[in-house]
């Protein structure tokens, strides 16, 4: 049920689980804010300059504390914020309530049905946004398919994750993309840190929180060896697991092998794995034929954006019974063995934990904030394409992050700069 608040921020609409949860959400947001110094510096700039005055920003992101810090940063810059989650299980209800109290239009709660999820996306679009900030491309997809009457008002957007960029590049190739989008995912200060260190730590965190089991000594199968898969494999290995990597890309498979991991087909890995983690961005990575080969007690979870990497329909059809045995753990009985699915096959780090560490999302969301400003200032010069974040922005964010960590680095001398630009000087 849509409700409204009228206070010093003006009147705004919201639909959250319980507005009275706001104080607890505020505590989480303040904690995150203390550990996100780069976004803090940008917030100070925005507060002074007010670049988004009169601009409405529609957001679909995992609605938890770090996201709230980003949204607040954009508000300090003058933006009106309409926000929802980008996954039915990743919203933290206390944070959603706190965002509504802070002056945002919020439509999100944990445990949404698919119908409610899309209703909430539509509620965000009802505010007729000028700029979109998306994670997974669902908001942008909805604009291009069901809310096309709003497209003329859109300056552009920013996309957070690999899965969303895959969808957007497909739209661009087909000539279906109707406004420019900044590829935040492929910024160096995003994927080298968020995808690798963020996913690596938070996915393992989600598994441990949910199962309370030991990683050491177990065989952990990581499906996919992109930056997310690399991070998960690295952290699992560091905790004493025997790591197996499955891949479809020969270059990535070779890299995994050279990094010291066993590499094999999923049908072979299925027979020996204790814990399976998908990180591919593709569907049906684990399906019926693999499930039938798995041993009793195998644990399945996903760290990709959508819940289709593990084929849940196959799992349900194979099972003679299904029951919840612990919060966020479903037990599927297949004959004389049991398989366990974590977080309904959704993002294990968000469905079962708190997502990426604050310090990592500091850089990712700094890219979102500056990417939105770049769209604002340059949209009339951009084509309907997917654009990489400017390299100068990456360098600035990295420099600010190093400074916040008390790290100083060398600078090139004038002679070194000349040397690197001169092709005449050799041995």
Protein backbone atom coordinates (compact mmCIF):
# COMPACT_ATOMS: atom_id res chain seq x y z
CA UNK A 1 0.00 0.00 0.00
CA UNK A 2 1.40 3.37 -1.09
CA UNK A 3 1.76 5.88 1.75
CA UNK A 4 3.11 9.39 1.95
CA UNK A 5 5.28 11.47 4.28
CA UNK A 6 5.19 15.24 4.51
CA UNK A 7 8.00 16.94 6.44
CA UNK A 8 10.97 19.26 5.89
CA UNK A 9 11.79 17.35 2.69
CA UNK A 10 8.33 17.96 1.25
CA UNK A 11 5.76 15.31 0.39
CA UNK A 12 6.85 11.97 -1.03
CA UNK A 13 5.48 8.51 -1.64
CA UNK A 14 6.74 5.23 -0.27
CA UNK A 15 5.84 1.57 0.05
CA UNK A 16 8.08 -0.30 2.47
CA UNK A 17 7.60 -3.19 4.91
CA UNK A 18 7.51 -1.05 8.07
CA UNK A 19 8.42 2.64 8.31
CA UNK A 20 9.10 2.17 12.03
CA UNK A 21 12.24 0.18 11.17
CA UNK A 22 13.92 3.40 10.03
CA UNK A 23 16.09 3.98 13.16
CA UNK A 24 17.87 0.64 12.71
CA UNK A 25 18.37 1.35 9.03
CA UNK A 26 19.82 4.75 9.85
CA UNK A 27 22.45 3.11 12.05
CA UNK A 28 23.51 0.85 9.17
CA UNK A 29 23.70 3.80 6.79
CA UNK A 30 25.82 5.85 9.18
CA UNK A 31 28.22 2.92 9.65
CA UNK A 32 28.57 2.49 5.88
CA UNK A 33 29.06 6.23 5.41
CA UNK A 34 32.03 6.22 7.80
CA UNK A 35 33.76 3.64 5.59
CA UNK A 36 33.04 5.25 2.21
CA UNK A 37 35.40 8.27 2.14
CA UNK A 38 35.56 8.73 -1.65
CA UNK A 39 31.81 9.04 -1.93
CA UNK A 40 31.99 11.38 1.07
CA UNK A 41 34.28 13.76 -0.82
CA UNK A 42 31.97 13.65 -3.84
CA UNK A 43 29.00 14.32 -1.57
CA UNK A 44 30.69 17.50 -0.30
CA UNK A 45 31.23 18.66 -3.91
CA UNK A 46 27.64 17.89 -4.87
CA UNK A 47 26.27 19.66 -1.80
CA UNK A 48 28.14 22.80 -2.80
CA UNK A 49 27.52 22.70 -6.56
CA UNK A 50 23.98 21.20 -6.67
CA UNK A 51 24.50 19.74 -10.19
CA UNK A 52 21.24 17.74 -10.09
CA UNK A 53 18.93 20.56 -9.05
CA UNK A 54 15.58 19.94 -10.75
CA UNK A 55 16.63 16.47 -11.92
CA UNK A 56 14.81 13.23 -11.04
CA UNK A 57 16.95 10.09 -10.81
CA UNK A 58 15.26 6.70 -10.98
CA UNK A 59 17.25 3.94 -9.29
CA UNK A 60 17.02 0.14 -9.20
CA UNK A 61 19.85 -1.16 -7.01
CA UNK A 62 20.26 -3.60 -4.15
CA UNK A 63 18.57 -1.50 -1.50
CA UNK A 64 20.91 -1.79 1.46
CA UNK A 65 23.12 0.60 3.41
CA UNK A 66 25.81 1.35 0.80
CA UNK A 67 23.15 2.07 -1.81
CA UNK A 68 21.49 4.46 0.61
CA UNK A 69 24.79 6.38 0.91
CA UNK A 70 24.88 6.75 -2.89
CA UNK A 71 21.26 7.89 -3.03
CA UNK A 72 21.87 10.40 -0.25
CA UNK A 73 24.92 11.71 -2.13
CA UNK A 74 22.77 12.35 -5.22
CA UNK A 75 20.12 14.02 -3.05
CA UNK A 76 22.78 16.34 -1.61
CA UNK A 77 23.43 17.31 -5.22
CA UNK A 78 19.83 18.44 -5.61
CA UNK A 79 18.29 15.32 -7.14
CA UNK A 80 14.83 13.97 -6.46
CA UNK A 81 15.28 10.22 -5.84
CA UNK A 82 12.82 7.45 -6.70
CA UNK A 83 14.29 4.08 -5.78
CA UNK A 84 13.48 0.38 -5.68
CA UNK A 85 15.46 -2.85 -5.35
CA UNK A 86 16.91 -4.83 -8.23
CA UNK A 87 16.39 -8.24 -6.64
CA UNK A 88 13.39 -9.53 -4.63
CA UNK A 89 15.58 -10.80 -1.79
CA UNK A 90 18.32 -8.17 -1.49
CA UNK A 91 16.33 -5.28 0.01
CA UNK A 92 16.95 -4.63 3.70
CA UNK A 93 13.65 -3.39 5.10
CA UNK A 94 15.14 -1.18 7.79
CA UNK A 95 17.32 0.60 5.22
CA UNK A 96 14.36 1.06 2.86
CA UNK A 97 12.41 2.66 5.72
CA UNK A 98 15.33 4.94 6.57
CA UNK A 99 15.58 6.06 2.94
CA UNK A 100 11.91 7.02 2.96
CA UNK A 101 12.47 9.02 6.16
CA UNK A 102 15.45 10.76 4.53
CA UNK A 103 13.32 12.18 1.74
CA UNK A 104 13.35 9.57 -1.02
CA UNK A 105 10.44 7.97 -2.86
CA UNK A 106 10.98 4.31 -1.94
CA UNK A 107 9.17 1.24 -3.26
CA UNK A 108 10.83 -1.94 -1.98
CA UNK A 109 10.70 -4.70 0.59
CA UNK A 110 12.41 -8.05 1.04
CA UNK A 111 10.52 -11.04 -0.34
CA UNK A 112 8.64 -9.36 -3.18
CA UNK A 113 6.80 -11.59 -5.63
CA UNK A 114 7.77 -11.22 -9.28
CA UNK A 115 4.57 -9.23 -9.85
CA UNK A 116 5.34 -6.91 -6.92
CA UNK A 117 8.94 -6.51 -8.11
CA UNK A 118 7.80 -5.17 -11.48
CA UNK A 119 5.08 -3.05 -9.89
CA UNK A 120 7.77 -1.33 -7.84
CA UNK A 121 9.95 -0.75 -10.91
CA UNK A 122 6.93 0.88 -12.54
CA UNK A 123 6.35 3.05 -9.47
CA UNK A 124 9.86 4.44 -9.87
CA UNK A 125 9.18 5.17 -13.54
CA UNK A 126 5.92 6.92 -12.61
CA UNK A 127 8.14 9.77 -11.37
CA UNK A 128 9.25 10.38 -14.97
CA UNK A 129 13.01 10.27 -14.28
CA UNK A 130 15.65 12.17 -16.22
CA UNK A 131 18.50 9.78 -15.40
CA UNK A 132 18.44 6.03 -14.65
CA UNK A 133 20.83 4.18 -12.34
CA UNK A 134 20.34 0.45 -12.84
CA UNK A 135 21.75 -2.87 -11.69
CA UNK A 136 20.86 -5.74 -14.01
CA UNK A 137 19.08 -3.59 -16.63
CA UNK A 138 15.51 -4.38 -15.51
CA UNK A 139 14.55 -0.71 -15.15
CA UNK A 140 16.02 0.18 -18.54
CA UNK A 141 14.41 -2.90 -20.12
CA UNK A 142 11.01 -1.86 -18.75
CA UNK A 143 11.45 1.62 -20.20
CA UNK A 144 12.18 0.17 -23.64
CA UNK A 145 9.32 -2.34 -23.66
CA UNK A 146 6.37 -1.14 -21.55
CA UNK A 147 7.02 2.51 -20.65
CA UNK A 148 8.20 3.84 -24.01
CA UNK A 149 6.20 7.05 -23.53
CA UNK A 150 8.88 8.12 -21.01
CA UNK A 151 11.90 7.61 -23.26
CA UNK A 152 11.97 11.16 -24.66
CA UNK A 153 12.59 12.54 -21.17
CA UNK A 154 15.55 10.25 -20.42
CA UNK A 155 18.98 11.87 -20.70
CA UNK A 156 20.80 8.59 -20.12
CA UNK A 157 21.66 5.98 -17.57
CA UNK A 158 24.37 4.12 -15.66
CA UNK A 159 24.59 0.32 -15.34
CA UNK A 160 26.29 -1.36 -12.40
CA UNK A 161 26.84 -5.00 -13.23
CA UNK A 162 28.17 -7.43 -15.85
CA UNK A 163 24.77 -9.00 -16.50
CA UNK A 164 23.21 -5.62 -17.21
CA UNK A 165 26.02 -4.62 -19.56
CA UNK A 166 25.60 -7.87 -21.52
CA UNK A 167 21.91 -7.00 -22.03
CA UNK A 168 22.65 -3.38 -22.94
CA UNK A 169 25.31 -4.28 -25.51
CA UNK A 170 22.86 -6.69 -27.11
CA UNK A 171 20.32 -3.85 -27.28
CA UNK A 172 22.96 -1.56 -28.81
CA UNK A 173 23.88 -4.16 -31.46
CA UNK A 174 20.23 -4.50 -32.48
CA UNK A 175 19.70 -0.72 -32.57
CA UNK A 176 17.15 -1.01 -29.75
CA UNK A 177 18.90 1.23 -27.19
CA UNK A 178 17.21 4.63 -27.10
CA UNK A 179 19.57 6.61 -24.84
CA UNK A 180 23.26 6.58 -23.83
CA UNK A 181 24.34 4.43 -20.89
CA UNK A 182 27.55 4.64 -18.88
CA UNK A 183 29.20 1.26 -18.34
CA UNK A 184 30.11 1.52 -14.67
CA UNK A 185 30.85 -2.21 -14.49
CA UNK A 186 33.92 -1.96 -16.74
CA UNK A 187 35.52 0.93 -14.92
CA UNK A 188 38.90 -0.22 -13.58
CA UNK A 189 38.00 1.03 -10.11
CA UNK A 190 34.87 -1.12 -10.27
CA UNK A 191 35.62 -4.53 -11.72
CA UNK A 192 39.16 -4.95 -10.40
CA UNK A 193 37.92 -4.39 -6.86
CA UNK A 194 34.13 -4.80 -6.61
CA UNK A 195 33.87 -7.88 -8.84
CA UNK A 196 37.01 -9.56 -7.51
CA UNK A 197 37.51 -8.55 -3.87
CA UNK A 198 33.88 -7.64 -3.19
CA UNK A 199 32.27 -10.76 -4.66
CA UNK A 200 35.06 -12.98 -3.38
CA UNK A 201 34.62 -11.94 0.25
CA UNK A 202 30.86 -11.41 0.30
CA UNK A 203 29.91 -14.66 -1.47
CA UNK A 204 31.97 -16.72 0.96
CA UNK A 205 30.53 -14.63 3.81
CA UNK A 206 26.99 -15.45 2.65
CA UNK A 207 27.73 -19.18 2.54
CA UNK A 208 29.32 -19.23 5.98
CA UNK A 209 26.61 -17.09 7.62
CA UNK A 210 23.86 -19.27 6.18
CA UNK A 211 25.32 -22.74 6.72
CA UNK A 212 27.72 -22.28 9.67
CA UNK A 213 29.93 -24.87 7.95
CA UNK A 214 33.70 -25.10 7.54
CA UNK A 215 35.19 -24.20 4.15
CA UNK A 216 38.60 -25.78 4.82
CA UNK A 217 38.96 -29.26 3.37
CA UNK A 218 35.86 -29.05 1.19
CA UNK A 219 35.83 -29.17 -2.61
CA UNK A 220 34.42 -25.87 -3.82
CA UNK A 221 33.36 -25.72 -7.48
CA UNK A 222 33.39 -22.21 -8.96
CA UNK A 223 31.51 -21.91 -12.25
CA UNK A 224 33.04 -19.11 -14.30
CA UNK A 225 36.44 -17.46 -14.05
CA UNK A 226 35.68 -13.86 -14.84
CA UNK A 227 36.56 -11.26 -12.22
CA UNK A 228 33.82 -12.47 -9.87
CA UNK A 229 34.84 -16.10 -10.25
CA UNK A 230 38.49 -15.21 -9.71
CA UNK A 231 37.60 -13.50 -6.44
CA UNK A 232 35.49 -16.39 -5.17
CA UNK A 233 38.14 -18.97 -6.13
CA UNK A 234 40.88 -16.92 -4.48
CA UNK A 235 38.98 -16.51 -1.20
CA UNK A 236 37.83 -20.15 -1.10
CA UNK A 237 41.42 -21.28 -1.64
CA UNK A 238 42.61 -18.92 1.09
CA UNK A 239 40.18 -20.56 3.53
CA UNK A 240 41.57 -24.01 2.80
CA UNK A 241 39.18 -25.30 0.13
CA UNK A 242 40.15 -27.54 -2.75
CA UNK A 243 38.95 -25.34 -5.63
CA UNK A 244 37.73 -26.60 -9.00
CA UNK A 245 36.92 -24.13 -11.79
CA UNK A 246 34.55 -24.80 -14.68
CA UNK A 247 34.62 -22.59 -17.78
CA UNK A 248 33.47 -22.34 -21.41
CA UNK A 249 36.13 -19.79 -22.40
CA UNK A 250 39.51 -21.45 -23.15
CA UNK A 251 41.51 -18.33 -22.25
CA UNK A 252 39.89 -18.02 -18.82
CA UNK A 253 40.16 -21.76 -18.28
CA UNK A 254 43.87 -21.59 -19.05
CA UNK A 255 44.26 -18.66 -16.67
CA UNK A 256 42.54 -20.63 -13.89
CA UNK A 257 44.85 -23.57 -14.55
CA UNK A 258 47.93 -21.32 -14.40
CA UNK A 259 46.59 -19.80 -11.17
CA UNK A 260 46.83 -23.26 -9.63
CA UNK A 261 43.22 -24.45 -9.78
CA UNK A 262 41.88 -27.70 -11.15
CA UNK A 263 39.82 -27.07 -14.29
CA UNK A 264 37.22 -29.53 -15.56
CA UNK A 265 33.79 -29.86 -17.12
CA UNK A 266 30.79 -29.39 -14.87
CA UNK A 267 29.73 -33.00 -15.41
CA UNK A 268 33.02 -34.11 -13.85
CA UNK A 269 33.07 -31.45 -11.13
CA UNK A 270 29.48 -32.37 -10.18
CA UNK A 271 30.66 -35.76 -8.92
CA UNK A 272 33.19 -34.36 -6.43
CA UNK A 273 31.94 -30.94 -5.31
CA UNK A 274 30.78 -30.14 -1.79
CA UNK A 275 29.85 -26.51 -2.51
CA UNK A 276 28.94 -25.10 -5.94
CA UNK A 277 29.04 -21.35 -6.65
CA UNK A 278 27.93 -19.97 -10.04
CA UNK A 279 29.45 -16.66 -11.20
CA UNK A 280 28.84 -16.65 -14.97
CA UNK A 281 25.99 -14.29 -15.86
CA UNK A 282 24.54 -17.12 -18.00
CA UNK A 283 21.54 -19.42 -17.50
CA UNK A 284 21.41 -23.18 -16.80
CA UNK A 285 25.01 -23.48 -15.66
CA UNK A 286 23.93 -26.19 -13.21
CA UNK A 287 21.07 -28.29 -14.53
CA UNK A 288 19.39 -31.70 -14.30
CA UNK A 289 22.24 -33.84 -15.60
CA UNK A 290 24.66 -32.25 -13.13
CA UNK A 291 22.30 -32.52 -10.15
CA UNK A 292 21.85 -36.23 -10.75
CA UNK A 293 25.63 -36.71 -10.45
CA UNK A 294 26.06 -34.74 -7.23
CA UNK A 295 26.76 -36.41 -3.92
CA UNK A 296 24.51 -36.37 -0.90
CA UNK A 297 24.66 -33.06 0.98
CA UNK A 298 26.02 -30.92 -1.87
CA UNK A 299 25.34 -27.19 -1.42
CA UNK A 300 24.33 -25.02 -4.39
CA UNK A 301 24.46 -21.23 -4.50
CA UNK A 302 24.71 -18.40 -7.00
CA UNK A 303 26.75 -15.19 -7.08
CA UNK A 304 25.51 -14.04 -10.50
CA UNK A 305 22.85 -11.35 -10.85
CA UNK A 306 19.84 -13.46 -11.84
CA UNK A 307 18.47 -16.63 -10.24
CA UNK A 308 18.64 -18.69 -13.44
CA UNK A 309 22.26 -19.89 -13.27
CA UNK A 310 21.06 -22.88 -11.23
CA UNK A 311 18.06 -24.39 -13.00
CA UNK A 312 15.52 -24.39 -10.18
CA UNK A 313 12.82 -25.96 -12.32
CA UNK A 314 15.02 -29.00 -12.89
CA UNK A 315 15.75 -29.16 -9.17
CA UNK A 316 12.05 -29.03 -8.27
CA UNK A 317 11.14 -31.67 -10.86
CA UNK A 318 13.83 -34.04 -9.60
CA UNK A 319 12.88 -33.61 -5.95
CA UNK A 320 10.42 -35.87 -4.17
CA UNK A 321 10.16 -33.32 -1.35
CA UNK A 322 11.31 -29.79 -0.56
CA UNK A 323 11.56 -28.18 2.86
CA UNK A 324 13.23 -25.23 4.54
CA UNK A 325 15.76 -26.61 7.02
CA UNK A 326 17.32 -23.33 8.11
CA UNK A 327 16.83 -19.68 7.24
CA UNK A 328 17.78 -19.29 3.55
CA UNK A 329 18.43 -23.03 3.08
CA UNK A 330 16.05 -25.27 1.10
CA UNK A 331 16.54 -29.03 1.18
CA UNK A 332 15.67 -30.95 -2.00
CA UNK A 333 15.33 -34.71 -1.55
CA UNK A 334 16.37 -36.65 -4.64
CA UNK A 335 15.88 -40.35 -3.94
CA UNK A 336 18.41 -41.34 -1.30
CA UNK A 337 20.33 -38.04 -1.37
CA UNK A 338 19.70 -34.41 -0.47
CA UNK A 339 20.84 -31.23 -2.20
CA UNK A 340 20.74 -27.82 -0.52
CA UNK A 341 19.96 -24.51 -2.27
CA UNK A 342 20.94 -21.24 -0.59
CA UNK A 343 18.93 -18.02 -0.88
CA UNK A 344 16.51 -19.44 -3.48
CA UNK A 345 19.37 -19.41 -5.98
CA UNK A 346 19.54 -15.62 -5.87
CA UNK A 347 22.68 -13.62 -5.11
CA UNK A 348 24.09 -15.44 -2.11
CA UNK A 349 26.07 -12.43 -0.91
CA UNK A 350 22.95 -10.26 -0.72
CA UNK A 351 20.15 -12.77 -0.09
CA UNK A 352 22.17 -14.39 2.71
CA UNK A 353 24.49 -11.58 3.89
CA UNK A 354 25.09 -7.81 3.60
CA UNK A 355 26.64 -7.69 0.13
CA UNK A 356 30.04 -6.27 -0.70
CA UNK A 357 32.21 -4.52 1.90
CA UNK A 358 31.68 -0.77 2.29
CA UNK A 359 35.23 0.12 1.21
CA UNK A 360 34.78 -1.64 -2.13
CA UNK A 361 31.35 -0.17 -2.88
CA UNK A 362 32.83 3.24 -2.09
CA UNK A 363 34.62 3.11 -5.45
CA UNK A 364 31.79 1.47 -7.40
CA UNK A 365 29.24 4.00 -6.22
CA UNK A 366 31.66 6.90 -6.72
CA UNK A 367 31.63 5.79 -10.37
CA UNK A 368 27.82 5.77 -10.36
CA UNK A 369 27.63 9.27 -8.89
CA UNK A 370 30.19 10.74 -11.29
CA UNK A 371 28.73 8.73 -14.17
CA UNK A 372 25.33 10.30 -13.54
CA UNK A 373 26.95 13.74 -13.53
CA UNK A 374 28.74 12.91 -16.81
CA UNK A 375 25.39 11.98 -18.40
CA UNK A 376 23.87 15.21 -17.13
CA UNK A 377 26.63 17.33 -18.63
CA UNK A 378 27.18 15.44 -21.89
CA UNK A 379 23.95 13.68 -22.86
CA UNK A 380 23.27 16.00 -25.80
CA UNK A 381 26.65 15.01 -27.34
CA UNK A 382 26.32 11.26 -26.81
CA UNK A 383 24.82 8.66 -29.12
CA UNK A 384 22.50 5.86 -28.06
CA UNK A 385 25.38 3.59 -27.10
CA UNK A 386 27.09 2.01 -24.12
CA UNK A 387 30.05 4.18 -23.06
CA UNK A 388 32.98 3.32 -20.82
CA UNK A 389 33.60 5.53 -17.81
CA UNK A 390 36.27 8.14 -18.75
CA UNK A 391 39.77 6.99 -17.78
CA UNK A 392 40.37 10.31 -16.00
CA UNK A 393 37.46 9.50 -13.68
CA UNK A 394 38.99 6.11 -12.89
CA UNK A 395 42.32 7.74 -12.06
CA UNK A 396 40.66 10.33 -9.85
CA UNK A 397 38.71 7.73 -7.87
CA UNK A 398 41.81 5.54 -7.43
CA UNK A 399 43.84 8.54 -6.25
CA UNK A 400 41.17 9.57 -3.75
CA UNK A 401 40.94 6.01 -2.45
CA UNK A 402 44.71 5.77 -1.97
CA UNK A 403 44.71 9.11 -0.17
CA UNK A 404 41.95 7.91 2.18
CA UNK A 405 44.11 4.86 2.96
CA UNK A 406 47.17 6.97 3.69
CA UNK A 407 49.07 5.68 0.66
CA UNK A 408 51.40 7.84 -1.40
CA UNK A 409 52.85 6.85 -4.77
CA UNK A 410 55.58 8.17 -7.07
CA UNK A 411 55.05 10.52 -9.98
CA UNK A 412 56.82 10.46 -13.33
CA UNK A 413 59.60 12.99 -13.77
CA UNK A 414 59.52 15.26 -16.82
CA UNK A 415 62.36 13.20 -18.34
CA UNK A 416 60.40 9.99 -17.81
CA UNK A 417 57.32 11.50 -19.46
CA UNK A 418 59.40 12.53 -22.48
CA UNK A 419 60.96 9.07 -22.67
CA UNK A 420 57.57 7.34 -22.69
CA UNK A 421 56.34 9.60 -25.49
CA UNK A 422 59.48 9.38 -27.67
CA UNK A 423 59.77 6.44 -30.05
CA UNK A 424 63.35 7.31 -31.04
CA UNK A 425 65.09 6.27 -27.84
CA UNK A 426 65.83 2.54 -27.55
CA UNK A 427 68.66 0.33 -26.31
